[in-house]
């Protein structure tokens, strides 16, 4: 018995052409066949036309959904399908009666083939053959060369995340990249079997205006594919991508694919984003001379943040990944991502707020936390109000912004106490914190308090904002 083929047809305001498209599918020489039409919230009578056609042809079923885009309609149709093979057909196009049997024959005979397409021509506002370049996975990384109307196995669809429903354009290109992510072959039938309607306002025409958004989307969705075939990301000048990437070295440690996503919570020299339960820190592009140093002689801030976090479990939010981009050896981009801390407050929230709930207990916790850092040989050289986090009762204290940390076994008392110099808070709070620190370190609290109070950070003294008498 021959395998069932499911033809899926998304339709939006396609009343004028739908019956012609469906007639071409029903005229196919192949059976068994099912045709699933999903009306994507059309404003015309597309759904009525589809239902009317379905009443006359038992192989056709029609459904509707709120307007969500062609990708959502295709995914909806496939979820309702039962076929071994899937063939998407747009509601304004026409297929030849021999297309389906010829495509099935290839897929049945050659299991290594994942997709079968065909030659095509235009009709409507443009005529002539649609010239496709010879297929290669490397070229597919730069441009789409497969029309949406190509047959593939339902089993291969199930290995992907389907058609990307939030894609701004060229969602079929994104889908083919997903299909070929792990190999497979492509076959184009030697005969013209697809007739593609060209009309003003058609998706193929409007998608051309969204080139940059499409490039950004495929880079985000398929970084491994791009690295494999282009040596790095796809660039806006797509033909130059491999040449540019020859001089561009991208490195990532840890699994993370959403470097430019999330809500921006800080945008000054560096950019901080929150994505789901993660924090992404994109470091500022360094000046050329510093980029050379970071690129050739020292570790980047992103790498240091990641590696230092691994050495500080529970003292800082857990590290996830870091990323670096070098051009001709010079560091140009770097970013670090870690878990979002469960400590929502910073030390700055205590400054000038003597009525902060549990303030004394929190200050004592921060003092003891600082002692733990020093006992483990950790000296945070930017130990400032914005880099110390705590929760409501002080039971959780963490430190962030790790790239300036120094690990040493030889911290003298003066070095340790000077670590408090940037914590610009009133005298009473400072002594509460340092007393708890001294007790944890088993040393004289009076001496430590006096030392910390008198050794304020020079910038605070210069600006007359030590807050000691507040």
Protein backbone atom coordinates (compact mmCIF):
# COMPACT_ATOMS: atom_id res chain seq x y z
CA UNK A 1 0.00 0.00 0.00
CA UNK A 2 1.30 3.44 -0.88
CA UNK A 3 2.08 5.90 1.95
CA UNK A 4 -0.38 8.69 2.69
CA UNK A 5 0.65 12.19 1.58
CA UNK A 6 -0.64 15.21 3.49
CA UNK A 7 -0.89 18.42 1.48
CA UNK A 8 -1.08 21.39 3.85
CA UNK A 9 -2.39 24.73 2.63
CA UNK A 10 -2.37 27.90 4.75
CA UNK A 11 -4.75 30.50 3.36
CA UNK A 12 -5.18 34.19 4.16
CA UNK A 13 -7.48 36.37 2.07
CA UNK A 14 -7.01 33.87 -0.76
CA UNK A 15 -10.62 33.60 -1.90
CA UNK A 16 -9.75 34.66 -5.44
CA UNK A 17 -7.21 31.87 -6.02
CA UNK A 18 -8.00 29.13 -3.50
CA UNK A 19 -10.24 26.96 -5.68
CA UNK A 20 -7.69 26.92 -8.50
CA UNK A 21 -4.94 25.85 -6.09
CA UNK A 22 -7.08 23.11 -4.52
CA UNK A 23 -8.19 21.84 -7.94
CA UNK A 24 -4.57 21.40 -8.98
CA UNK A 25 -3.88 19.34 -5.86
CA UNK A 26 -6.97 17.14 -6.23
CA UNK A 27 -5.99 16.52 -9.86
CA UNK A 28 -2.82 14.78 -8.69
CA UNK A 29 -2.08 11.34 -10.09
CA UNK A 30 -1.25 10.14 -6.58
CA UNK A 31 -3.42 8.48 -3.98
CA UNK A 32 -3.89 8.14 -0.96
CA UNK A 33 -3.99 11.86 -0.35
CA UNK A 34 -5.36 14.25 2.27
CA UNK A 35 -5.56 18.02 1.89
CA UNK A 36 -5.69 20.20 5.00
CA UNK A 37 -6.62 23.85 4.54
CA UNK A 38 -6.14 26.23 7.49
CA UNK A 39 -7.72 29.64 7.09
CA UNK A 40 -5.56 32.14 8.95
CA UNK A 41 -8.27 34.53 10.10
CA UNK A 42 -9.07 35.83 6.60
CA UNK A 43 -11.19 38.95 6.20
CA UNK A 44 -12.75 37.72 2.96
CA UNK A 45 -14.73 34.51 2.30
CA UNK A 46 -11.66 32.23 2.08
CA UNK A 47 -12.98 29.92 4.80
CA UNK A 48 -16.40 29.63 3.11
CA UNK A 49 -14.72 28.76 -0.19
CA UNK A 50 -12.56 26.13 1.52
CA UNK A 51 -15.52 24.55 3.31
CA UNK A 52 -17.54 24.51 0.11
CA UNK A 53 -14.71 22.76 -1.74
CA UNK A 54 -14.32 20.26 1.11
CA UNK A 55 -18.02 19.28 0.84
CA UNK A 56 -17.42 18.22 -2.76
CA UNK A 57 -14.13 16.40 -2.15
CA UNK A 58 -13.80 13.94 0.74
CA UNK A 59 -10.02 14.24 0.75
CA UNK A 60 -10.19 17.93 1.70
CA UNK A 61 -10.80 19.27 5.20
CA UNK A 62 -10.93 22.93 6.22
CA UNK A 63 -10.12 24.55 9.57
CA UNK A 64 -9.77 28.11 10.77
CA UNK A 65 -7.62 29.89 13.32
CA UNK A 66 -7.21 33.49 14.53
CA UNK A 67 -4.79 35.39 12.33
CA UNK A 68 -1.34 34.16 13.41
CA UNK A 69 0.70 34.01 10.21
CA UNK A 70 1.55 31.39 7.60
CA UNK A 71 3.99 29.52 9.86
CA UNK A 72 1.38 29.01 12.57
CA UNK A 73 -1.13 27.85 9.95
CA UNK A 74 1.34 25.33 8.53
CA UNK A 75 2.18 23.99 11.99
CA UNK A 76 -1.53 23.76 12.79
CA UNK A 77 -2.20 21.82 9.60
CA UNK A 78 0.68 19.41 10.20
CA UNK A 79 -0.54 18.71 13.73
CA UNK A 80 -3.86 17.66 12.21
CA UNK A 81 -2.26 15.56 9.46
CA UNK A 82 -1.75 11.80 9.30
CA UNK A 83 0.55 11.43 6.29
CA UNK A 84 4.00 9.89 6.06
CA UNK A 85 4.99 12.71 3.73
CA UNK A 86 4.17 16.44 3.92
CA UNK A 87 3.80 18.81 0.98
CA UNK A 88 3.03 22.48 1.71
CA UNK A 89 1.24 24.29 -1.11
CA UNK A 90 0.42 28.00 -0.93
CA UNK A 91 -3.18 28.94 -1.65
CA UNK A 92 -2.33 31.06 -4.70
CA UNK A 93 -0.04 28.58 -6.46
CA UNK A 94 -0.64 25.58 -8.74
CA UNK A 95 1.10 22.21 -8.81
CA UNK A 96 1.39 19.75 -11.67
CA UNK A 97 -0.53 16.47 -11.37
CA UNK A 98 2.73 14.52 -11.59
CA UNK A 99 4.58 16.38 -8.81
CA UNK A 100 3.41 14.30 -5.84
CA UNK A 101 3.99 10.79 -7.29
CA UNK A 102 7.42 11.75 -8.60
CA UNK A 103 8.46 13.24 -5.23
CA UNK A 104 7.17 10.23 -3.29
CA UNK A 105 9.06 7.87 -5.59
CA UNK A 106 12.37 9.63 -4.74
CA UNK A 107 11.74 9.62 -0.99
CA UNK A 108 10.69 5.97 -1.00
CA UNK A 109 13.71 4.88 -2.99
CA UNK A 110 16.36 7.04 -1.32
CA UNK A 111 16.16 7.27 2.51
CA UNK A 112 19.15 9.63 2.63
CA UNK A 113 17.11 12.30 0.81
CA UNK A 114 15.30 14.63 3.19
CA UNK A 115 13.65 17.08 0.79
CA UNK A 116 12.37 16.83 -2.78
CA UNK A 117 11.57 19.99 -4.74
CA UNK A 118 11.16 20.72 -8.44
CA UNK A 119 11.75 23.26 -11.15
CA UNK A 120 9.19 26.06 -11.17
CA UNK A 121 7.93 28.90 -13.30
CA UNK A 122 6.14 32.19 -12.66
CA UNK A 123 2.72 33.33 -13.77
CA UNK A 124 0.61 36.37 -13.01
CA UNK A 125 2.53 39.65 -12.93
CA UNK A 126 5.72 37.91 -14.02
CA UNK A 127 6.41 35.00 -16.36
CA UNK A 128 9.34 32.75 -17.13
CA UNK A 129 11.19 30.03 -15.29
CA UNK A 130 12.27 30.50 -11.71
CA UNK A 131 16.01 29.89 -11.85
CA UNK A 132 17.35 28.17 -8.72
CA UNK A 133 21.08 27.82 -8.05
CA UNK A 134 22.54 24.34 -7.61
CA UNK A 135 21.87 23.16 -4.09
CA UNK A 136 24.59 22.97 -1.46
CA UNK A 137 24.39 23.16 2.32
CA UNK A 138 27.03 25.90 2.29
CA UNK A 139 24.99 28.02 -0.10
CA UNK A 140 21.85 27.32 1.93
CA UNK A 141 23.59 29.06 4.84
CA UNK A 142 23.66 32.27 2.76
CA UNK A 143 20.37 32.15 0.88
CA UNK A 144 17.24 30.12 0.41
CA UNK A 145 17.08 28.00 -2.73
CA UNK A 146 14.10 25.81 -1.92
CA UNK A 147 10.53 26.98 -2.31
CA UNK A 148 8.05 26.27 0.48
CA UNK A 149 6.34 23.78 -1.85
CA UNK A 150 8.76 20.88 -1.32
CA UNK A 151 8.05 17.40 0.07
CA UNK A 152 9.63 15.97 3.22
CA UNK A 153 8.97 13.27 5.78
CA UNK A 154 6.72 13.95 8.76
CA UNK A 155 9.36 12.16 10.88
CA UNK A 156 11.95 14.80 9.92
CA UNK A 157 9.51 17.62 10.71
CA UNK A 158 9.04 16.13 14.17
CA UNK A 159 12.80 16.45 14.82
CA UNK A 160 12.58 20.24 14.37
CA UNK A 161 10.66 22.92 16.24
CA UNK A 162 8.46 23.36 13.15
CA UNK A 163 8.02 26.54 11.17
CA UNK A 164 9.17 29.48 13.31
CA UNK A 165 5.99 31.36 14.13
CA UNK A 166 7.66 34.59 15.25
CA UNK A 167 9.88 34.84 12.17
CA UNK A 168 9.52 38.18 10.37
CA UNK A 169 10.05 36.62 6.91
CA UNK A 170 11.59 33.70 5.00
CA UNK A 171 10.28 31.20 7.56
CA UNK A 172 10.69 28.47 4.93
CA UNK A 173 14.44 29.19 4.78
CA UNK A 174 14.64 28.86 8.55
CA UNK A 175 12.76 25.57 8.33
CA UNK A 176 15.07 24.12 5.66
CA UNK A 177 18.08 25.05 7.80
CA UNK A 178 16.49 23.08 10.64
CA UNK A 179 15.83 20.09 8.37
CA UNK A 180 19.44 19.96 7.11
CA UNK A 181 21.01 20.82 10.48
CA UNK A 182 22.21 17.23 10.88
CA UNK A 183 22.84 16.30 7.25
CA UNK A 184 20.74 14.68 4.55
CA UNK A 185 20.44 15.10 0.80
CA UNK A 186 18.27 17.27 -1.46
CA UNK A 187 16.78 16.40 -4.86
CA UNK A 188 15.26 18.78 -7.37
CA UNK A 189 13.06 17.09 -9.97
CA UNK A 190 14.21 17.92 -13.53
CA UNK A 191 10.73 18.96 -14.74
CA UNK A 192 8.67 22.08 -13.98
CA UNK A 193 6.05 20.92 -11.49
CA UNK A 194 5.27 24.15 -9.60
CA UNK A 195 3.64 27.27 -11.00
CA UNK A 196 4.28 30.24 -8.71
CA UNK A 197 1.88 33.18 -8.83
CA UNK A 198 3.53 36.61 -8.62
CA UNK A 199 1.29 39.45 -7.48
CA UNK A 200 1.69 42.83 -5.83
CA UNK A 201 1.83 42.46 -2.08
CA UNK A 202 2.67 38.74 -2.17
CA UNK A 203 4.85 37.52 0.69
CA UNK A 204 7.82 36.80 -1.57
CA UNK A 205 7.84 40.47 -2.63
CA UNK A 206 7.36 42.01 0.82
CA UNK A 207 9.92 39.70 2.46
CA UNK A 208 12.72 41.36 0.46
CA UNK A 209 12.35 44.48 2.61
CA UNK A 210 13.22 42.58 5.79
CA UNK A 211 16.72 41.38 4.90
CA UNK A 212 18.48 42.51 8.08
CA UNK A 213 15.82 41.10 10.40
CA UNK A 214 15.97 37.76 8.56
CA UNK A 215 19.77 37.58 8.82
CA UNK A 216 19.61 38.31 12.55
CA UNK A 217 16.94 35.63 13.00
CA UNK A 218 18.79 32.81 11.21
CA UNK A 219 22.02 33.65 13.05
CA UNK A 220 20.21 33.37 16.35
CA UNK A 221 18.39 30.16 15.43
CA UNK A 222 21.20 28.32 13.62
CA UNK A 223 24.61 29.38 15.01
CA UNK A 224 26.09 25.87 14.68
CA UNK A 225 24.98 25.56 11.05
CA UNK A 226 26.50 28.96 10.23
CA UNK A 227 29.78 28.14 11.97
CA UNK A 228 29.97 24.80 10.15
CA UNK A 229 29.45 26.15 6.64
CA UNK A 230 30.46 29.83 6.87
CA UNK A 231 33.04 29.75 9.64
CA UNK A 232 30.92 32.17 11.68
CA UNK A 233 27.69 34.16 11.44
CA UNK A 234 25.90 35.21 8.28
CA UNK A 235 26.60 38.88 7.55
CA UNK A 236 24.33 41.47 5.93
CA UNK A 237 26.62 41.32 2.88
CA UNK A 238 25.86 37.61 2.67
CA UNK A 239 28.18 36.73 -0.21
CA UNK A 240 31.15 38.05 1.78
CA UNK A 241 30.35 36.05 4.91
CA UNK A 242 33.02 33.37 4.56
CA UNK A 243 35.67 35.95 3.66
CA UNK A 244 34.76 38.12 6.65
CA UNK A 245 34.65 35.10 8.94
CA UNK A 246 38.10 34.03 7.75
CA UNK A 247 39.43 36.99 9.70
CA UNK A 248 36.77 36.74 12.40
CA UNK A 249 37.14 34.19 15.17
CA UNK A 250 34.12 33.49 17.35
CA UNK A 251 34.47 31.47 20.52
CA UNK A 252 31.79 30.34 22.94
CA UNK A 253 32.10 28.27 26.09
CA UNK A 254 28.85 26.98 27.58
CA UNK A 255 25.48 26.48 25.92
CA UNK A 256 23.46 29.66 25.26
CA UNK A 257 21.87 31.03 22.06
CA UNK A 258 20.07 34.24 23.08
CA UNK A 259 22.85 36.81 23.41
CA UNK A 260 20.88 39.76 22.03
CA UNK A 261 17.49 38.91 23.53
CA UNK A 262 15.77 39.98 26.74
CA UNK A 263 14.83 43.23 28.45
CA UNK A 264 17.59 45.82 28.79
CA UNK A 265 17.98 46.84 32.45
CA UNK A 266 21.23 48.81 32.10
CA UNK A 267 22.60 50.54 29.02
CA UNK A 268 25.65 52.66 29.64
CA UNK A 269 29.19 51.49 29.00
CA UNK A 270 28.11 47.86 29.25
CA UNK A 271 24.65 46.48 28.47
CA UNK A 272 22.73 44.24 30.86
CA UNK A 273 19.76 42.18 29.71
CA UNK A 274 17.44 39.84 31.55
CA UNK A 275 16.29 36.87 29.48
CA UNK A 276 13.95 34.48 31.27
CA UNK A 277 15.89 33.56 34.45
CA UNK A 278 19.29 34.63 33.13
CA UNK A 279 21.35 37.85 33.04
CA UNK A 280 23.41 38.69 29.94
CA UNK A 281 26.24 41.20 30.25
CA UNK A 282 27.56 42.52 26.94
CA UNK A 283 30.83 44.34 27.53
CA UNK A 284 31.60 47.57 25.70
CA UNK A 285 33.73 47.28 22.57
CA UNK A 286 37.26 48.07 23.80
CA UNK A 287 39.43 50.69 22.11
CA UNK A 288 41.85 49.24 19.59
CA UNK A 289 44.90 49.17 21.85
CA UNK A 290 42.98 47.40 24.63
CA UNK A 291 41.36 45.07 22.11
CA UNK A 292 44.86 44.00 21.04
CA UNK A 293 45.80 43.32 24.67
CA UNK A 294 42.62 41.33 25.32
CA UNK A 295 42.93 39.55 22.01
CA UNK A 296 46.55 38.49 22.24
CA UNK A 297 47.89 38.76 25.78
CA UNK A 298 45.23 38.66 28.51
CA UNK A 299 41.85 37.06 29.08
CA UNK A 300 38.75 39.05 28.18
CA UNK A 301 36.45 40.36 30.90
CA UNK A 302 33.79 37.88 29.80
CA UNK A 303 36.13 34.92 30.09
CA UNK A 304 37.44 36.06 33.47
CA UNK A 305 33.86 36.51 34.75
CA UNK A 306 32.96 32.98 33.68
CA UNK A 307 36.09 31.28 34.98
CA UNK A 308 36.08 33.18 38.28
CA UNK A 309 32.42 32.31 38.84
CA UNK A 310 33.27 28.62 38.46
CA UNK A 311 35.72 29.04 41.35
CA UNK A 312 33.11 30.74 43.54
CA UNK A 313 30.11 28.40 43.84
CA UNK A 314 27.20 29.91 45.80
CA UNK A 315 29.10 33.19 46.29
CA UNK A 316 27.92 34.52 42.92
CA UNK A 317 25.10 33.60 40.50
CA UNK A 318 25.95 30.37 38.68
CA UNK A 319 27.80 30.92 35.36
CA UNK A 320 26.25 29.63 32.11
CA UNK A 321 28.42 30.74 29.19
CA UNK A 322 30.70 33.36 27.72
CA UNK A 323 31.28 34.49 24.16
CA UNK A 324 34.15 36.30 22.40
CA UNK A 325 34.60 37.66 18.88
CA UNK A 326 38.03 38.54 17.55
CA UNK A 327 38.85 40.11 14.20
CA UNK A 328 42.44 39.54 13.08
CA UNK A 329 43.18 38.60 16.67
CA UNK A 330 41.77 41.82 18.13
CA UNK A 331 38.90 41.43 20.61
CA UNK A 332 35.81 43.25 19.31
CA UNK A 333 32.88 41.67 21.21
CA UNK A 334 32.49 39.78 24.47
CA UNK A 335 29.56 38.80 26.68
CA UNK A 336 28.88 36.73 29.77
CA UNK A 337 25.66 35.09 30.95
CA UNK A 338 24.78 33.75 34.38
CA UNK A 339 21.70 32.79 36.33
CA UNK A 340 19.50 35.57 37.66
CA UNK A 341 20.25 35.97 41.35
CA UNK A 342 17.53 35.27 43.90
CA UNK A 343 18.87 38.24 45.85
CA UNK A 344 16.90 41.25 44.52
CA UNK A 345 18.57 44.10 46.46
CA UNK A 346 21.98 45.77 46.24
CA UNK A 347 24.06 47.35 48.99
CA UNK A 348 23.09 50.74 47.55
CA UNK A 349 19.54 50.12 48.78
CA UNK A 350 20.86 50.36 52.36
CA UNK A 351 22.58 53.72 51.88
CA UNK A 352 20.48 56.55 53.30
CA UNK A 353 17.71 54.15 54.34
CA UNK A 354 18.10 53.47 58.04
CA UNK A 355 14.55 52.15 58.16
CA UNK A 356 15.26 49.39 55.61
CA UNK A 357 13.67 46.18 56.97
CA UNK A 358 16.17 43.89 58.75
CA UNK A 359 18.93 46.40 58.01
CA UNK A 360 21.17 45.47 60.95
CA UNK A 361 20.91 41.72 60.26
CA UNK A 362 21.61 42.30 56.58
CA UNK A 363 24.70 44.41 57.34
CA UNK A 364 25.98 41.69 59.65
CA UNK A 365 25.41 39.09 56.93
CA UNK A 366 27.35 41.17 54.42
CA UNK A 367 30.19 41.50 56.94
CA UNK A 368 30.34 37.73 57.45
CA UNK A 369 30.05 37.17 53.68
CA UNK A 370 33.07 39.45 53.13
CA UNK A 371 34.99 37.38 55.67
CA UNK A 372 34.16 34.21 53.72
CA UNK A 373 35.54 35.80 50.54
CA UNK A 374 38.79 36.75 52.25
CA UNK A 375 39.14 33.39 54.00
CA UNK A 376 38.95 31.77 50.56
CA UNK A 377 41.60 34.12 49.19
CA UNK A 378 39.14 36.14 47.08
CA UNK A 379 39.78 39.89 46.75
CA UNK A 380 37.08 41.71 44.77
CA UNK A 381 38.76 44.88 43.56
CA UNK A 382 35.44 46.50 42.66
CA UNK A 383 33.66 45.67 45.90
CA UNK A 384 31.12 48.47 45.62
CA UNK A 385 27.47 49.11 46.45
CA UNK A 386 26.09 47.93 43.12
CA UNK A 387 28.03 44.66 43.13
CA UNK A 388 26.82 43.22 46.44
CA UNK A 389 23.40 41.54 46.35
CA UNK A 390 21.22 40.35 49.21
CA UNK A 391 17.70 39.07 49.87
CA UNK A 392 15.01 40.24 52.32
CA UNK A 393 16.54 38.89 55.53
CA UNK A 394 20.21 38.67 54.57
CA UNK A 395 20.22 34.88 54.43
CA UNK A 396 21.55 35.11 50.86
CA UNK A 397 24.41 37.42 49.91
CA UNK A 398 26.20 37.27 46.55
CA UNK A 399 28.73 39.32 44.63
CA UNK A 400 28.70 40.15 40.91
CA UNK A 401 30.92 41.93 38.33
CA UNK A 402 33.74 39.46 38.76
CA UNK A 403 36.27 40.39 36.10
CA UNK A 404 38.47 42.36 38.54
CA UNK A 405 38.71 39.63 41.18
CA UNK A 406 42.12 38.48 42.38
CA UNK A 407 42.71 35.09 43.96
CA UNK A 408 45.56 35.09 46.49
CA UNK A 409 46.64 33.28 49.63
CA UNK A 410 48.58 36.28 50.92
CA UNK A 411 45.96 38.87 51.86
CA UNK A 412 47.32 41.03 54.66
CA UNK A 413 44.98 42.68 57.16
CA UNK A 414 45.29 46.13 55.57
CA UNK A 415 44.43 44.77 52.12
CA UNK A 416 41.38 43.03 53.52
CA UNK A 417 40.11 46.08 55.38
CA UNK A 418 40.71 48.36 52.44
CA UNK A 419 38.28 46.14 50.53
CA UNK A 420 35.48 47.99 52.39
CA UNK A 421 36.58 51.43 51.14
CA UNK A 422 33.93 51.75 48.39
CA UNK A 423 30.99 50.82 50.64
CA UNK A 424 29.84 54.39 51.09
CA UNK A 425 27.43 54.18 54.01
CA UNK A 426 26.94 55.86 57.40
CA UNK A 427 29.40 55.27 60.25
CA UNK A 428 27.02 53.20 62.40
CA UNK A 429 26.15 50.84 59.54
CA UNK A 430 29.80 50.53 58.58
CA UNK A 431 30.76 49.55 62.12
CA UNK A 432 27.92 47.04 62.36
CA UNK A 433 29.14 45.35 59.21
CA UNK A 434 32.85 45.46 60.10
CA UNK A 435 32.24 44.18 63.63
CA UNK A 436 30.55 41.08 62.22
CA UNK A 437 33.47 40.76 59.81
CA UNK A 438 36.06 41.01 62.61
CA UNK A 439 34.26 38.40 64.70
CA UNK A 440 34.27 35.99 61.76
CA UNK A 441 37.98 36.68 61.20
CA UNK A 442 38.71 36.44 64.95
CA UNK A 443 40.42 39.82 65.18
CA UNK A 444 40.02 43.10 67.06
CA UNK A 445 36.72 44.74 65.97
CA UNK A 446 37.61 48.18 67.38
CA UNK A 447 40.79 48.35 65.31
CA UNK A 448 39.03 47.12 62.18
CA UNK A 449 36.20 49.65 62.53
CA UNK A 450 38.62 52.54 63.06
CA UNK A 451 40.72 51.49 60.07
CA UNK A 452 37.75 51.13 57.74
CA UNK A 453 36.21 54.46 58.80
CA UNK A 454 39.43 56.39 58.27
CA UNK A 455 40.37 54.77 54.96
CA UNK A 456 37.58 55.97 52.69
CA UNK A 457 37.81 55.76 48.92
CA UNK A 458 39.58 58.80 47.55
CA UNK A 459 36.82 59.59 45.04
CA UNK A 460 34.23 59.78 47.81
CA UNK A 461 36.47 62.05 49.87
CA UNK A 462 37.21 64.26 46.87
CA UNK A 463 33.49 64.63 46.13
CA UNK A 464 32.68 65.06 49.84
CA UNK A 465 30.14 62.21 49.77
CA UNK A 466 31.46 59.81 52.42
CA UNK A 467 28.03 59.63 54.14
CA UNK A 468 29.78 58.83 57.43
CA UNK A 469 27.75 61.35 59.43
CA UNK A 470 24.42 60.79 57.74
